[in-house]
Protein backbone atom coordinates (compact mmCIF):
# COMPACT_ATOMS: atom_id res chain seq x y z
CA MET A 1 120.24 -17.03 18.32
CA THR A 2 120.75 -20.37 17.12
CA ASP A 3 123.39 -20.74 13.94
CA ALA A 4 121.41 -20.56 10.29
CA PRO A 5 120.82 -23.98 9.04
CA ASN A 6 121.77 -25.62 5.59
CA TRP A 7 117.86 -25.27 4.27
CA LEU A 8 116.30 -27.99 1.67
CA TYR A 9 114.85 -24.64 0.39
CA PRO A 10 116.86 -21.81 0.76
CA ALA A 11 115.26 -19.57 -2.13
CA SER A 12 111.76 -20.34 -0.52
CA ARG A 13 109.86 -18.74 2.55
CA ILE A 14 107.99 -20.28 5.21
CA LEU A 15 105.55 -17.79 6.23
CA VAL A 16 103.29 -17.95 9.57
CA PHE A 17 100.96 -15.30 10.43
CA ALA A 18 99.45 -15.25 13.72
CA LYS A 19 98.12 -13.20 16.39
CA VAL A 20 99.54 -12.02 19.88
CA PRO A 21 98.15 -14.98 22.38
CA ARG A 22 96.31 -12.41 24.41
CA ALA A 23 92.76 -13.38 26.25
CA GLY A 24 89.81 -12.69 24.47
CA GLN A 25 91.82 -11.45 21.34
CA VAL A 26 92.61 -14.86 19.23
CA LYS A 27 90.04 -17.78 19.35
CA THR A 28 87.48 -15.90 20.19
CA ARG A 29 84.78 -18.56 18.98
CA LEU A 30 86.11 -21.16 20.75
CA ALA A 31 86.65 -19.25 24.29
CA LYS A 32 83.16 -18.99 24.49
CA ALA A 33 83.18 -22.45 24.87
CA ILE A 34 86.74 -23.47 27.07
CA GLY A 35 86.99 -20.16 28.53
CA ALA A 36 89.55 -16.81 27.11
CA GLU A 37 92.60 -17.89 29.06
CA GLU A 38 92.72 -21.78 27.91
CA ALA A 39 91.87 -20.25 24.14
CA ALA A 40 94.90 -18.08 24.61
CA ARG A 41 97.20 -20.55 25.95
CA VAL A 42 96.26 -23.55 23.74
CA TYR A 43 97.22 -21.10 21.07
CA GLY A 44 99.88 -19.81 22.04
CA GLU A 45 100.93 -23.57 22.31
CA TRP A 46 100.32 -24.26 19.09
CA LEU A 47 102.21 -21.23 17.30
CA GLN A 48 105.36 -22.83 19.14
CA ASP A 49 105.14 -26.03 18.34
CA ALA A 50 104.59 -25.60 14.71
CA VAL A 51 107.87 -22.82 14.74
CA VAL A 52 109.99 -25.37 16.50
CA ARG A 53 109.04 -28.16 14.42
CA LEU A 54 109.13 -26.34 11.10
CA HIS A 55 112.75 -24.91 12.22
CA ARG A 56 114.06 -28.41 13.25
CA ALA A 57 112.94 -29.78 9.90
CA ARG A 58 115.42 -27.35 8.08
CA LEU A 59 113.30 -26.80 5.26
CA ALA A 60 113.24 -22.91 4.39
CA PRO A 61 114.15 -19.31 6.50
CA ILE A 62 110.90 -18.63 8.25
CA GLU A 63 109.44 -15.52 8.84
CA LEU A 64 106.38 -15.18 11.34
CA TRP A 65 104.11 -12.17 10.88
CA VAL A 66 102.33 -10.91 13.83
CA THR A 67 99.24 -8.54 14.99
CA PRO A 68 98.67 -6.35 16.04
CA ASP A 69 102.45 -5.95 17.36
CA THR A 70 105.97 -8.41 18.29
CA ARG A 71 106.05 -7.53 21.55
CA HIS A 72 104.25 -10.42 22.72
CA PRO A 73 107.61 -12.63 25.55
CA LEU A 74 106.58 -15.64 23.43
CA PHE A 75 107.36 -13.51 20.23
CA GLN A 76 110.59 -12.92 21.22
CA GLN A 77 111.30 -16.36 22.66
CA LEU A 78 110.80 -17.72 19.43
CA VAL A 79 113.49 -15.02 18.01
CA ASP A 80 116.20 -16.17 20.39
CA THR A 81 115.43 -20.00 20.30
CA THR A 82 115.35 -20.05 16.41
CA GLY A 83 116.43 -17.37 14.28
CA ILE A 84 112.74 -16.60 12.86
CA GLU A 85 112.65 -13.35 11.20
CA LEU A 86 109.81 -11.18 13.29
CA GLN A 87 107.51 -8.72 11.14
CA THR A 88 104.39 -7.08 11.83
CA GLN A 89 101.32 -7.57 10.00
CA PRO A 90 100.66 -4.52 7.40
CA ASN A 91 96.86 -3.08 7.73
CA GLY A 92 94.12 -4.05 5.99
CA ASP A 93 91.97 -7.14 5.94
CA LEU A 94 93.31 -10.44 5.99
CA GLY A 95 93.44 -11.11 2.14
CA GLN A 96 95.19 -7.54 1.71
CA ARG A 97 97.71 -8.16 4.73
CA MET A 98 97.81 -12.05 3.03
CA HIS A 99 98.68 -9.84 -0.12
CA GLN A 100 101.44 -7.86 0.71
CA VAL A 101 103.52 -10.50 2.63
CA MET A 102 103.49 -12.52 -0.51
CA LEU A 103 104.66 -9.72 -2.37
CA HIS A 104 107.04 -8.85 0.02
CA ALA A 105 108.50 -12.40 0.59
CA LEU A 106 108.59 -13.32 -3.43
CA ALA A 107 110.82 -10.11 -3.74
CA ARG A 108 113.30 -12.23 -1.97
CA GLY A 109 112.56 -15.60 -2.79
CA GLU A 110 111.33 -18.12 -5.75
CA SER A 111 108.34 -19.17 -3.86
CA ALA A 112 106.63 -18.73 -0.59
CA VAL A 113 104.18 -20.73 1.72
CA LEU A 114 101.46 -19.02 4.09
CA ILE A 115 100.22 -20.67 7.02
CA GLY A 116 98.17 -19.94 9.80
CA SER A 117 98.47 -20.64 13.66
CA ASP A 118 95.50 -22.73 14.53
CA CYS A 119 96.04 -26.26 12.59
CA PRO A 120 98.26 -28.11 15.10
CA VAL A 121 98.08 -31.16 13.08
CA MET A 122 100.00 -29.85 10.14
CA GLN A 123 103.29 -31.45 10.10
CA PRO A 124 106.61 -30.45 8.63
CA ASP A 125 106.58 -32.75 5.78
CA TYR A 126 103.37 -31.39 4.79
CA VAL A 127 105.10 -27.94 4.19
CA GLN A 128 107.83 -29.70 2.14
CA ARG A 129 105.48 -31.49 0.24
CA ALA A 130 104.00 -28.07 -0.46
CA LEU A 131 107.58 -26.33 -1.77
CA ALA A 132 108.64 -29.18 -3.22
CA VAL A 133 106.05 -29.20 -5.58
CA MET A 134 106.62 -25.75 -6.56
CA GLU A 135 110.23 -26.57 -7.17
CA ALA A 136 108.82 -28.81 -10.06
CA GLY A 137 107.63 -25.92 -11.53
CA VAL A 138 103.76 -25.59 -10.05
CA ASP A 139 103.03 -22.19 -9.45
CA THR A 140 99.62 -22.39 -7.20
CA VAL A 141 99.43 -24.88 -4.41
CA LEU A 142 96.85 -25.02 -1.48
CA GLY A 143 96.17 -27.57 1.45
CA PRO A 144 92.52 -27.54 2.01
CA ALA A 145 90.60 -27.27 5.46
CA GLU A 146 87.67 -29.42 5.95
CA ASP A 147 85.21 -26.40 7.36
CA GLY A 148 86.05 -25.19 3.52
CA GLY A 149 89.23 -22.62 3.84
CA TYR A 150 92.67 -23.78 3.53
CA VAL A 151 95.60 -24.54 6.16
CA LEU A 152 97.75 -23.22 3.44
CA LEU A 153 98.60 -20.95 0.18
CA GLY A 154 102.01 -21.62 -1.91
CA LEU A 155 102.67 -19.30 -4.91
CA ARG A 156 105.74 -18.90 -7.03
CA LYS A 157 104.07 -15.83 -8.29
CA VAL A 158 101.26 -13.19 -6.43
CA VAL A 159 98.00 -13.91 -8.19
CA ALA A 160 96.49 -10.70 -7.09
CA GLU A 161 92.73 -12.08 -7.22
CA LEU A 162 93.00 -14.45 -4.54
CA PHE A 163 93.22 -12.19 -2.37
CA ALA A 164 90.10 -10.20 -3.19
CA GLY A 165 86.66 -10.69 -3.33
CA ILE A 166 87.03 -14.04 -1.05
CA PRO A 167 84.66 -14.36 1.37
CA TRP A 168 87.23 -14.71 4.63
CA SER A 169 85.89 -16.33 7.29
CA THR A 170 83.71 -18.23 5.97
CA GLY A 171 82.99 -21.99 4.36
CA TYR A 172 83.46 -20.63 1.27
CA VAL A 173 86.78 -20.01 1.03
CA LEU A 174 88.29 -22.83 -0.86
CA LYS A 175 85.95 -22.61 -3.78
CA ALA A 176 86.04 -18.98 -4.18
CA THR A 177 90.09 -19.28 -4.37
CA ARG A 178 89.62 -22.16 -6.84
CA GLY A 179 86.90 -19.73 -9.13
CA GLN A 180 89.84 -16.86 -8.62
CA LEU A 181 92.44 -19.72 -9.96
CA ARG A 182 90.05 -20.91 -13.45
CA ALA A 183 88.96 -17.17 -13.71
CA VAL A 184 92.43 -16.18 -14.31
CA ARG A 185 93.17 -19.13 -16.34
CA ARG A 186 95.21 -20.58 -13.95
CA ASN A 187 93.90 -24.13 -14.25
CA SER A 188 96.32 -26.05 -13.43
CA TRP A 189 97.33 -26.38 -9.66
CA ALA A 190 98.37 -28.57 -6.83
CA GLU A 191 96.34 -29.57 -3.65
CA LEU A 192 97.38 -31.32 -0.97
CA GLU A 193 95.00 -33.74 1.17
CA THR A 194 92.62 -32.11 3.91
CA LEU A 195 93.29 -31.20 7.10
CA TRP A 196 91.21 -29.38 9.92
CA ASP A 197 92.03 -25.75 11.66
CA ILE A 198 90.80 -25.61 15.38
CA ASP A 199 88.16 -22.88 15.90
CA ARG A 200 85.13 -24.72 17.71
CA VAL A 201 85.18 -26.46 21.12
CA GLU A 202 84.46 -29.67 18.49
CA ASP A 203 87.83 -29.23 16.90
CA TYR A 204 89.65 -28.79 20.04
CA GLU A 205 88.15 -31.95 21.60
CA ARG A 206 88.95 -33.91 18.86
CA TRP A 207 92.05 -32.25 19.22
CA ARG A 208 92.98 -33.25 22.94
CA ALA A 209 91.64 -36.62 22.04
CA LEU A 210 94.99 -37.02 19.65
CA GLN A 211 97.20 -35.92 22.16
CA ARG A 212 96.12 -38.14 24.35
CA ALA A 213 96.32 -41.09 22.15
CA LEU A 214 99.54 -40.16 21.22
CA SER A 215 100.81 -39.78 24.71
CA ALA A 216 99.45 -43.38 25.49
CA ALA A 217 101.26 -44.49 22.38
CA GLN A 218 104.40 -42.98 23.96
CA ARG A 219 103.91 -44.40 27.31
CA LYS A 220 103.07 -47.91 25.87
CA GLN A 221 106.72 -48.07 23.63
CA GLN A 222 108.22 -46.89 26.62
CA ASN A 223 106.99 -49.58 28.55
CA GLU A 224 107.66 -52.39 26.00
CA THR A 225 110.89 -50.75 25.66
CA GLY A 226 111.89 -50.77 29.48
CA LYS A 227 110.65 -54.84 29.42
CA GLU A 228 113.68 -56.08 26.86
CA VAL A 229 116.30 -58.11 28.47
CA LYS A 230 118.96 -58.22 27.13
CA ILE A 231 120.80 -61.46 26.33
CA SER A 232 124.79 -62.17 26.22
């Protein structure tokens, strides 16, 4: 286990929702196109990268909430290398589980940010901006997704209506969430820029293309650095 870092937002919590990265149990829609084994492999890769990046950024204590259980080797590896807190998600539908986890986090902290594990383009600075907005006094932060959902939910106070009556796993999640915020007269909330998560083969290919472009840029930079001549 690593030493406890000096968090930038020690009174906050970063909550990561994840499933066991097992073939046939994660990214099932994507698996139809790329195969169940590959879908599980990249899902585990995205989860590991997200947790490691967030830990290195030293933003806030990280809690990994998993389903159906905590026994997968990847989860224990993340605990050993980063010192994150590992928890099993409560029972219920997605909204009920998110609600209970938010209640748990906000009983111990001043704010909490909840993210999934299938948005590999999300960088720590995105999460940091959500934490900073809440530290400035905003109660609710949303990170919109291109597919009509959201990739991040930040709260300083639990709003039960955000977790009930939402058509989860549809393209209307964000619209319904905004409607609930207005219904409870929370007319002021913050929204970050729109990101994209990976559910379809088109999203997967977009991510692969981004990875290839980043690798090419890194190779180019290394080659240019290697060509530098030191003049004495």
